[in-house]
Amino acid sequence: MTADVLTETGSRMSKAVEVAKDDFATVRTGRANPQLFQKILVDYYGTPTPLAQLAALQNQEARTIVISPYDKSALRDIEQAIRDSPNLGVNPSNDGTIIRATMPELTEERRREYVKMVKSKAEDARVVIRNLRRKGKDDLEALKTEVGDDEVARAEKELESLTKKYIEAVDEALKRKEAELLEV
């Protein structure tokens, strides 16, 4: 019973780390990365649709992404959504069949802003992991009458080590992203 609680809590913590890594991937560095464009929402026939569902995204060069829409009628909407995206600062060019988005060089000030943004996302992930720990602890406390105090105490220690492991994973991902952002 305690193993079930620990397994479920561990898998949820793992998902929280993956979500944090996905969030980190949406913060741009000096290089073009198709993941930066994944979460851009395009108004496609009145419905906000993720860009990844409307077009193929490819790296053409280190700082250029080529966006090939599956439906050419959505070209202008896609271009507008990219232009309006606040975190990219990209001015896309449209040649009638594809869109090219060239990433501008990041200034030192902009890099620092991105580092702050990534640190905030990391803290959000840590809070989620801590909340999962609290929920797991509550679930273990509820099992006290069925499995006994010693078993719950052992499971709580295991829960603490799980929490520490996943928070360290978030910190490691943060450290890598921060180094990537500050790299000139």
C-alpha atoms as a PDB file:
ATOM      1  CA  MET A   1       0.000   0.000   0.000  1.00  0.00           C
ATOM      2  CA  THR A   2       2.745   2.469   0.874  1.00  0.00           C
ATOM      3  CA  ALA A   3       4.621   1.316  -2.225  1.00  0.00           C
ATOM      4  CA  ASP A   4       1.616   2.301  -4.352  1.00  0.00           C
ATOM      5  CA  VAL A   5       1.593   5.796  -2.852  1.00  0.00           C
ATOM      6  CA  LEU A   6       5.355   6.151  -3.402  1.00  0.00           C
ATOM      7  CA  THR A   7       5.130   4.884  -6.993  1.00  0.00           C
ATOM      8  CA  GLU A   8       2.288   7.228  -7.881  1.00  0.00           C
ATOM      9  CA  THR A   9       3.977  10.209  -6.228  1.00  0.00           C
ATOM     10  CA  GLY A  10       7.282   9.393  -7.959  1.00  0.00           C
ATOM     11  CA  SER A  11       5.658   9.216 -11.389  1.00  0.00           C
ATOM     12  CA  ARG A  12       3.898  12.534 -10.833  1.00  0.00           C
ATOM     13  CA  MET A  13       7.160  14.149  -9.717  1.00  0.00           C
ATOM     14  CA  SER A  14       8.841  12.760 -12.813  1.00  0.00           C
ATOM     15  CA  LYS A  15       6.135  14.350 -14.966  1.00  0.00           C
ATOM     16  CA  ALA A  16       6.672  17.664 -13.178  1.00  0.00           C
ATOM     17  CA  VAL A  17      10.383  17.516 -14.083  1.00  0.00           C
ATOM     18  CA  GLU A  18       9.512  16.765 -17.726  1.00  0.00           C
ATOM     19  CA  VAL A  19       7.086  19.701 -17.833  1.00  0.00           C
ATOM     20  CA  ALA A  20       9.812  21.965 -16.434  1.00  0.00           C
ATOM     21  CA  LYS A  21      12.252  20.766 -19.116  1.00  0.00           C
ATOM     22  CA  ASP A  22       9.632  21.423 -21.806  1.00  0.00           C
ATOM     23  CA  ASP A  23       9.090  24.909 -20.391  1.00  0.00           C
ATOM     24  CA  PHE A  24      12.854  25.521 -20.433  1.00  0.00           C
ATOM     25  CA  ALA A  25      12.961  24.485 -24.081  1.00  0.00           C
ATOM     26  CA  THR A  26      10.502  27.245 -24.994  1.00  0.00           C
ATOM     27  CA  VAL A  27      12.892  29.931 -23.729  1.00  0.00           C
ATOM     28  CA  ARG A  28      15.117  30.888 -26.605  1.00  0.00           C
ATOM     29  CA  THR A  29      18.869  30.994 -26.695  1.00  0.00           C
ATOM     30  CA  GLY A  30      21.067  32.438 -29.437  1.00  0.00           C
ATOM     31  CA  ARG A  31      20.337  29.397 -31.619  1.00  0.00           C
ATOM     32  CA  ALA A  32      17.140  28.587 -33.445  1.00  0.00           C
ATOM     33  CA  ASN A  33      15.269  25.619 -32.009  1.00  0.00           C
ATOM     34  CA  PRO A  34      11.956  24.297 -33.374  1.00  0.00           C
ATOM     35  CA  GLN A  35      10.727  23.755 -29.794  1.00  0.00           C
ATOM     36  CA  LEU A  36      10.594  27.532 -29.350  1.00  0.00           C
ATOM     37  CA  PHE A  37       7.725  27.629 -31.824  1.00  0.00           C
ATOM     38  CA  GLN A  38       5.854  24.532 -30.589  1.00  0.00           C
ATOM     39  CA  LYS A  39       3.562  26.346 -28.155  1.00  0.00           C
ATOM     40  CA  ILE A  40       2.727  29.355 -30.333  1.00  0.00           C
ATOM     41  CA  LEU A  41      -1.028  29.431 -30.833  1.00  0.00           C
ATOM     42  CA  VAL A  42      -2.300  30.353 -34.297  1.00  0.00           C
ATOM     43  CA  ASP A  43      -5.879  31.503 -34.890  1.00  0.00           C
ATOM     44  CA  TYR A  44      -6.826  28.826 -37.426  1.00  0.00           C
ATOM     45  CA  TYR A  45     -10.448  29.201 -38.581  1.00  0.00           C
ATOM     46  CA  GLY A  46     -11.347  30.801 -35.253  1.00  0.00           C
ATOM     47  CA  THR A  47      -9.691  28.121 -33.130  1.00  0.00           C
ATOM     48  CA  PRO A  48      -6.369  28.662 -31.299  1.00  0.00           C
ATOM     49  CA  THR A  49      -4.197  25.831 -32.649  1.00  0.00           C
ATOM     50  CA  PRO A  50      -0.560  25.016 -31.743  1.00  0.00           C
ATOM     51  CA  LEU A  51       1.806  25.841 -34.602  1.00  0.00           C
ATOM     52  CA  ALA A  52       3.271  22.320 -34.532  1.00  0.00           C
ATOM     53  CA  GLN A  53      -0.115  20.982 -35.705  1.00  0.00           C
ATOM     54  CA  LEU A  54      -0.288  23.402 -38.630  1.00  0.00           C
ATOM     55  CA  ALA A  55       3.224  23.306 -40.045  1.00  0.00           C
ATOM     56  CA  ALA A  56       6.518  21.455 -40.278  1.00  0.00           C
ATOM     57  CA  LEU A  57       9.339  23.189 -38.408  1.00  0.00           C
ATOM     58  CA  GLN A  58      12.965  22.721 -39.510  1.00  0.00           C
ATOM     59  CA  ASN A  59      16.333  24.225 -38.667  1.00  0.00           C
ATOM     60  CA  GLN A  60      17.790  25.649 -41.846  1.00  0.00           C
ATOM     61  CA  GLU A  61      20.820  27.287 -40.251  1.00  0.00           C
ATOM     62  CA  ALA A  62      22.005  27.951 -36.705  1.00  0.00           C
ATOM     63  CA  ARG A  63      19.700  30.957 -36.313  1.00  0.00           C
ATOM     64  CA  THR A  64      16.992  30.285 -38.916  1.00  0.00           C
ATOM     65  CA  ILE A  65      13.822  28.190 -38.700  1.00  0.00           C
ATOM     66  CA  VAL A  66      11.845  27.279 -41.801  1.00  0.00           C
ATOM     67  CA  ILE A  67       8.111  26.851 -41.248  1.00  0.00           C
ATOM     68  CA  SER A  68       6.240  24.947 -43.979  1.00  0.00           C
ATOM     69  CA  PRO A  69       2.463  25.142 -43.439  1.00  0.00           C
ATOM     70  CA  TYR A  70       0.428  22.080 -44.347  1.00  0.00           C
ATOM     71  CA  ASP A  71      -2.377  24.430 -45.423  1.00  0.00           C
ATOM     72  CA  LYS A  72      -1.025  27.371 -47.455  1.00  0.00           C
ATOM     73  CA  SER A  73      -4.119  29.447 -46.634  1.00  0.00           C
ATOM     74  CA  ALA A  74      -2.912  29.627 -43.028  1.00  0.00           C
ATOM     75  CA  LEU A  75       0.398  31.245 -44.043  1.00  0.00           C
ATOM     76  CA  ARG A  76      -0.568  34.799 -43.046  1.00  0.00           C
ATOM     77  CA  ASP A  77      -2.140  33.681 -39.749  1.00  0.00           C
ATOM     78  CA  ILE A  78       0.995  31.721 -38.835  1.00  0.00           C
ATOM     79  CA  GLU A  79       3.221  34.648 -39.734  1.00  0.00           C
ATOM     80  CA  GLN A  80       1.101  37.000 -37.606  1.00  0.00           C
ATOM     81  CA  ALA A  81       1.137  34.620 -34.617  1.00  0.00           C
ATOM     82  CA  ILE A  82       4.941  34.364 -34.762  1.00  0.00           C
ATOM     83  CA  ARG A  83       5.288  38.141 -35.053  1.00  0.00           C
ATOM     84  CA  ASP A  84       2.956  38.662 -32.058  1.00  0.00           C
ATOM     85  CA  SER A  85       4.736  36.104 -29.842  1.00  0.00           C
ATOM     86  CA  PRO A  86       6.213  38.140 -26.947  1.00  0.00           C
ATOM     87  CA  ASN A  87       9.148  35.887 -26.024  1.00  0.00           C
ATOM     88  CA  LEU A  88      10.670  35.415 -29.469  1.00  0.00           C
ATOM     89  CA  GLY A  89      11.306  38.897 -30.852  1.00  0.00           C
ATOM     90  CA  VAL A  90      11.361  37.394 -34.367  1.00  0.00           C
ATOM     91  CA  ASN A  91      10.254  39.145 -37.552  1.00  0.00           C
ATOM     92  CA  PRO A  92       9.302  36.318 -39.948  1.00  0.00           C
ATOM     93  CA  SER A  93       9.466  36.630 -43.737  1.00  0.00           C
ATOM     94  CA  ASN A  94       6.934  34.955 -45.997  1.00  0.00           C
ATOM     95  CA  ASP A  95       7.766  33.966 -49.601  1.00  0.00           C
ATOM     96  CA  GLY A  96       4.308  32.608 -50.448  1.00  0.00           C
ATOM     97  CA  THR A  97       4.992  28.945 -49.634  1.00  0.00           C
ATOM     98  CA  ILE A  98       7.172  28.952 -46.513  1.00  0.00           C
ATOM     99  CA  ILE A  99       8.024  31.269 -43.642  1.00  0.00           C
ATOM    100  CA  ARG A 100      11.593  31.947 -42.553  1.00  0.00           C
ATOM    101  CA  ALA A 101      12.162  33.145 -39.014  1.00  0.00           C
ATOM    102  CA  THR A 102      15.672  34.372 -38.232  1.00  0.00           C
ATOM    103  CA  MET A 103      16.516  34.706 -34.569  1.00  0.00           C
ATOM    104  CA  PRO A 104      18.200  38.028 -33.723  1.00  0.00           C
ATOM    105  CA  GLU A 105      21.305  38.070 -31.565  1.00  0.00           C
ATOM    106  CA  LEU A 106      20.500  38.302 -27.864  1.00  0.00           C
ATOM    107  CA  THR A 107      21.741  41.280 -25.917  1.00  0.00           C
ATOM    108  CA  GLU A 108      23.267  40.747 -22.483  1.00  0.00           C
ATOM    109  CA  GLU A 109      20.241  42.405 -20.875  1.00  0.00           C
ATOM    110  CA  ARG A 110      17.833  40.095 -22.751  1.00  0.00           C
ATOM    111  CA  ARG A 111      19.873  37.047 -21.718  1.00  0.00           C
ATOM    112  CA  ARG A 112      19.595  38.101 -18.064  1.00  0.00           C
ATOM    113  CA  GLU A 113      15.817  38.464 -18.445  1.00  0.00           C
ATOM    114  CA  TYR A 114      15.614  34.953 -19.891  1.00  0.00           C
ATOM    115  CA  VAL A 115      17.691  33.584 -17.010  1.00  0.00           C
ATOM    116  CA  LYS A 116      15.244  35.174 -14.547  1.00  0.00           C
ATOM    117  CA  MET A 117      12.337  33.665 -16.480  1.00  0.00           C
ATOM    118  CA  VAL A 118      13.918  30.191 -16.426  1.00  0.00           C
ATOM    119  CA  LYS A 119      14.658  30.479 -12.685  1.00  0.00           C
ATOM    120  CA  SER A 120      11.005  31.367 -12.103  1.00  0.00           C
ATOM    121  CA  LYS A 121       9.881  28.318 -14.110  1.00  0.00           C
ATOM    122  CA  ALA A 122      12.268  26.143 -12.083  1.00  0.00           C
ATOM    123  CA  GLU A 123      10.865  27.467  -8.820  1.00  0.00           C
ATOM    124  CA  ASP A 124       7.346  26.708 -10.058  1.00  0.00           C
ATOM    125  CA  ALA A 125       8.440  23.128 -10.756  1.00  0.00           C
ATOM    126  CA  ARG A 126       9.977  22.833  -7.277  1.00  0.00           C
ATOM    127  CA  VAL A 127       6.712  24.066  -5.734  1.00  0.00           C
ATOM    128  CA  VAL A 128       4.764  21.444  -7.703  1.00  0.00           C
ATOM    129  CA  ILE A 129       7.144  18.723  -6.491  1.00  0.00           C
ATOM    130  CA  ARG A 130       6.817  19.900  -2.881  1.00  0.00           C
ATOM    131  CA  ASN A 131       3.022  19.929  -3.195  1.00  0.00           C
ATOM    132  CA  LEU A 132       3.166  16.365  -4.508  1.00  0.00           C
ATOM    133  CA  ARG A 133       5.320  15.431  -1.510  1.00  0.00           C
ATOM    134  CA  ARG A 134       2.751  16.957   0.838  1.00  0.00           C
ATOM    135  CA  LYS A 135      -0.071  15.042  -0.865  1.00  0.00           C
ATOM    136  CA  GLY A 136       1.964  11.824  -0.707  1.00  0.00           C
ATOM    137  CA  LYS A 137       2.638  12.426   2.986  1.00  0.00           C
ATOM    138  CA  ASP A 138      -1.080  12.950   3.627  1.00  0.00           C
ATOM    139  CA  ASP A 139      -1.860   9.725   1.763  1.00  0.00           C
ATOM    140  CA  LEU A 140       0.718   7.873   3.883  1.00  0.00           C
ATOM    141  CA  GLU A 141      -0.737   9.307   7.096  1.00  0.00           C
ATOM    142  CA  ALA A 142      -4.149   8.005   6.040  1.00  0.00           C
ATOM    143  CA  LEU A 143      -2.639   4.497   5.800  1.00  0.00           C
ATOM    144  CA  LYS A 144      -1.209   4.610   9.343  1.00  0.00           C
ATOM    145  CA  THR A 145      -4.027   2.553  10.846  1.00  0.00           C
ATOM    146  CA  GLU A 146      -3.706  -0.161   8.180  1.00  0.00           C
ATOM    147  CA  VAL A 147       0.075  -0.613   7.913  1.00  0.00           C
ATOM    148  CA  GLY A 148       1.489   0.736  11.172  1.00  0.00           C
ATOM    149  CA  ASP A 149       3.695   3.608  12.268  1.00  0.00           C
ATOM    150  CA  ASP A 150       7.032   2.004  11.381  1.00  0.00           C
ATOM    151  CA  GLU A 151       6.016   1.284   7.797  1.00  0.00           C
ATOM    152  CA  VAL A 152       4.693   4.841   7.347  1.00  0.00           C
ATOM    153  CA  ALA A 153       7.884   6.326   8.847  1.00  0.00           C
ATOM    154  CA  ARG A 154      10.021   4.256   6.442  1.00  0.00           C
ATOM    155  CA  ALA A 155       7.840   5.320   3.494  1.00  0.00           C
ATOM    156  CA  GLU A 156       8.079   8.992   4.519  1.00  0.00           C
ATOM    157  CA  LYS A 157      11.892   8.762   4.491  1.00  0.00           C
ATOM    158  CA  GLU A 158      11.698   7.241   1.027  1.00  0.00           C
ATOM    159  CA  LEU A 159       9.328  10.018  -0.021  1.00  0.00           C
ATOM    160  CA  GLU A 160      11.849  12.610   1.175  1.00  0.00           C
ATOM    161  CA  SER A 161      14.631  11.003  -0.864  1.00  0.00           C
ATOM    162  CA  LEU A 162      12.332  10.926  -3.927  1.00  0.00           C
ATOM    163  CA  THR A 163      11.548  14.600  -3.453  1.00  0.00           C
ATOM    164  CA  LYS A 164      15.227  15.461  -3.129  1.00  0.00           C
ATOM    165  CA  LYS A 165      16.057  13.456  -6.279  1.00  0.00           C
ATOM    166  CA  TYR A 166      13.461  15.242  -8.423  1.00  0.00           C
ATOM    167  CA  ILE A 167      14.273  18.703  -7.094  1.00  0.00           C
ATOM    168  CA  GLU A 168      17.926  18.019  -7.943  1.00  0.00           C
ATOM    169  CA  ALA A 169      16.821  17.005 -11.461  1.00  0.00           C
ATOM    170  CA  VAL A 170      15.056  20.365 -11.868  1.00  0.00           C
ATOM    171  CA  ASP A 171      18.130  22.184 -10.530  1.00  0.00           C
ATOM    172  CA  GLU A 172      20.391  20.308 -12.962  1.00  0.00           C
ATOM    173  CA  ALA A 173      18.133  21.162 -15.923  1.00  0.00           C
ATOM    174  CA  LEU A 174      18.097  24.793 -14.747  1.00  0.00           C
ATOM    175  CA  LYS A 175      21.884  24.872 -14.542  1.00  0.00           C
ATOM    176  CA  ARG A 176      22.211  23.507 -18.105  1.00  0.00           C
ATOM    177  CA  LYS A 177      19.673  25.999 -19.499  1.00  0.00           C
ATOM    178  CA  GLU A 178      21.271  28.891 -17.655  1.00  0.00           C
ATOM    179  CA  ALA A 179      24.699  28.010 -19.092  1.00  0.00           C
ATOM    180  CA  GLU A 180      23.135  27.732 -22.546  1.00  0.00           C
ATOM    181  CA  LEU A 181      21.484  31.143 -22.192  1.00  0.00           C
ATOM    182  CA  LEU A 182      24.613  32.915 -20.969  1.00  0.00           C
ATOM    183  CA  GLU A 183      26.822  31.310 -23.630  1.00  0.00           C
ATOM    184  CA  VAL A 184      27.843  33.933 -26.203  1.00  0.00           C
END
